[in-house]
Protein backbone atom coordinates (compact mmCIF):
# COMPACT_ATOMS: atom_id res chain seq x y z
CA UNK A 1 -158.00 -105.51 41.42
CA UNK A 2 -154.42 -106.99 41.72
CA UNK A 3 -154.61 -105.95 45.47
CA UNK A 4 -157.73 -108.28 46.24
CA UNK A 5 -156.06 -111.09 43.92
CA UNK A 6 -152.87 -110.54 45.82
CA UNK A 7 -154.09 -110.69 49.17
CA UNK A 8 -156.09 -113.97 48.24
CA UNK A 9 -153.22 -115.39 46.90
CA UNK A 10 -150.83 -114.83 50.09
CA UNK A 11 -153.52 -116.17 52.61
CA UNK A 12 -153.65 -119.25 50.06
CA UNK A 13 -150.15 -119.42 50.12
CA UNK A 14 -150.25 -119.10 54.18
CA UNK A 15 -152.92 -121.97 54.08
CA UNK A 16 -150.20 -124.27 52.33
CA UNK A 17 -153.06 -124.96 49.33
CA UNK A 18 -152.37 -124.89 46.02
CA UNK A 19 -154.82 -123.48 43.82
CA UNK A 20 -156.34 -126.24 42.47
CA UNK A 21 -156.98 -127.55 46.14
CA UNK A 22 -158.32 -123.98 47.29
CA UNK A 23 -160.73 -124.41 44.20
CA UNK A 24 -161.60 -127.77 45.70
CA UNK A 25 -162.80 -126.96 48.85
CA UNK A 26 -164.19 -123.90 47.40
CA UNK A 27 -166.17 -125.66 45.00
CA UNK A 28 -165.16 -123.39 42.21
CA UNK A 29 -163.35 -124.19 39.20
CA UNK A 30 -159.39 -123.85 39.33
CA UNK A 31 -158.92 -121.29 36.39
CA UNK A 32 -161.52 -119.29 38.63
CA UNK A 33 -159.09 -118.74 41.55
CA UNK A 34 -156.36 -118.32 38.93
CA UNK A 35 -158.25 -115.41 37.42
CA UNK A 36 -159.24 -113.80 40.87
CA UNK A 37 -155.38 -114.00 42.20
CA UNK A 38 -154.44 -112.71 39.05
CA UNK A 39 -156.50 -109.37 39.37
CA UNK A 40 -158.16 -110.76 35.49
CA UNK A 41 -161.46 -111.36 37.46
CA UNK A 42 -163.45 -110.09 40.09
CA UNK A 43 -164.97 -112.77 41.97
CA UNK A 44 -169.04 -112.49 43.21
CA UNK A 45 -169.52 -112.31 46.59
CA UNK A 46 -170.66 -116.03 46.59
CA UNK A 47 -167.43 -117.02 45.27
CA UNK A 48 -165.30 -114.66 47.39
CA UNK A 49 -167.70 -116.70 50.63
CA UNK A 50 -166.41 -119.82 49.24
CA UNK A 51 -162.70 -119.00 49.28
CA UNK A 52 -162.91 -117.41 52.85
CA UNK A 53 -164.64 -120.42 53.86
CA UNK A 54 -161.81 -123.22 52.26
CA UNK A 55 -159.01 -120.54 53.59
CA UNK A 56 -160.43 -120.73 57.31
CA UNK A 57 -160.29 -117.18 57.59
CA UNK A 58 -161.54 -115.44 60.33
CA UNK A 59 -163.89 -113.04 61.04
CA UNK A 60 -161.50 -109.60 60.98
CA UNK A 61 -159.54 -110.88 57.85
CA UNK A 62 -162.88 -112.31 56.04
CA UNK A 63 -163.95 -108.74 56.45
CA UNK A 64 -160.93 -107.48 55.57
CA UNK A 65 -160.98 -109.38 51.84
CA UNK A 66 -164.45 -108.63 51.68
CA UNK A 67 -163.94 -104.68 51.88
CA UNK A 68 -161.38 -105.23 49.29
CA UNK A 69 -164.06 -106.43 47.20
CA UNK A 70 -166.39 -103.88 47.63
CA UNK A 71 -163.93 -101.57 46.75
CA UNK A 72 -163.00 -102.98 43.62
CA UNK A 73 -166.46 -103.38 42.78
CA UNK A 74 -167.05 -99.57 43.79
CA UNK A 75 -164.13 -98.68 41.82
CA UNK A 76 -165.34 -100.72 38.53
CA UNK A 77 -169.03 -98.97 39.13
CA UNK A 78 -167.45 -95.75 38.86
CA UNK A 79 -165.15 -95.82 35.97
CA UNK A 80 -162.36 -94.73 37.80
CA UNK A 81 -160.69 -98.48 36.97
CA UNK A 82 -158.77 -98.10 33.97
CA UNK A 83 -160.61 -99.18 30.33
CA UNK A 84 -158.68 -102.71 30.60
CA UNK A 85 -158.88 -102.89 34.47
CA UNK A 86 -162.93 -102.26 34.10
CA UNK A 87 -163.00 -104.58 31.24
CA UNK A 88 -161.16 -107.28 33.15
CA UNK A 89 -163.54 -106.62 36.41
CA UNK A 90 -166.98 -106.87 34.57
CA UNK A 91 -165.97 -110.80 33.85
CA UNK A 92 -167.43 -113.08 36.21
CA UNK A 93 -167.42 -116.46 36.54
CA UNK A 94 -171.23 -117.65 35.04
CA UNK A 95 -170.35 -121.86 35.49
CA UNK A 96 -170.28 -120.24 39.96
CA UNK A 97 -173.16 -117.98 39.60
């Protein structure tokens, strides 16, 4: 989870955006961006797509980020994440859904 968040934060920083600006461009809450970037929340596919579009990611980078999400979801589903990570990974932004 943290690797996905670190990657997204790096991409946001490279784009020269603040978390608040990215949230506005993506149509999500700023707390959502913060939680995803710090690994406290697994974004839904929709949220990840919104963030990717707002960051203007190319196809290969968007696919890489999507693959990271799939890996996180698989780890949570298989129970290979620690208890805290699994609990945090289960948190989804209901307002965005």
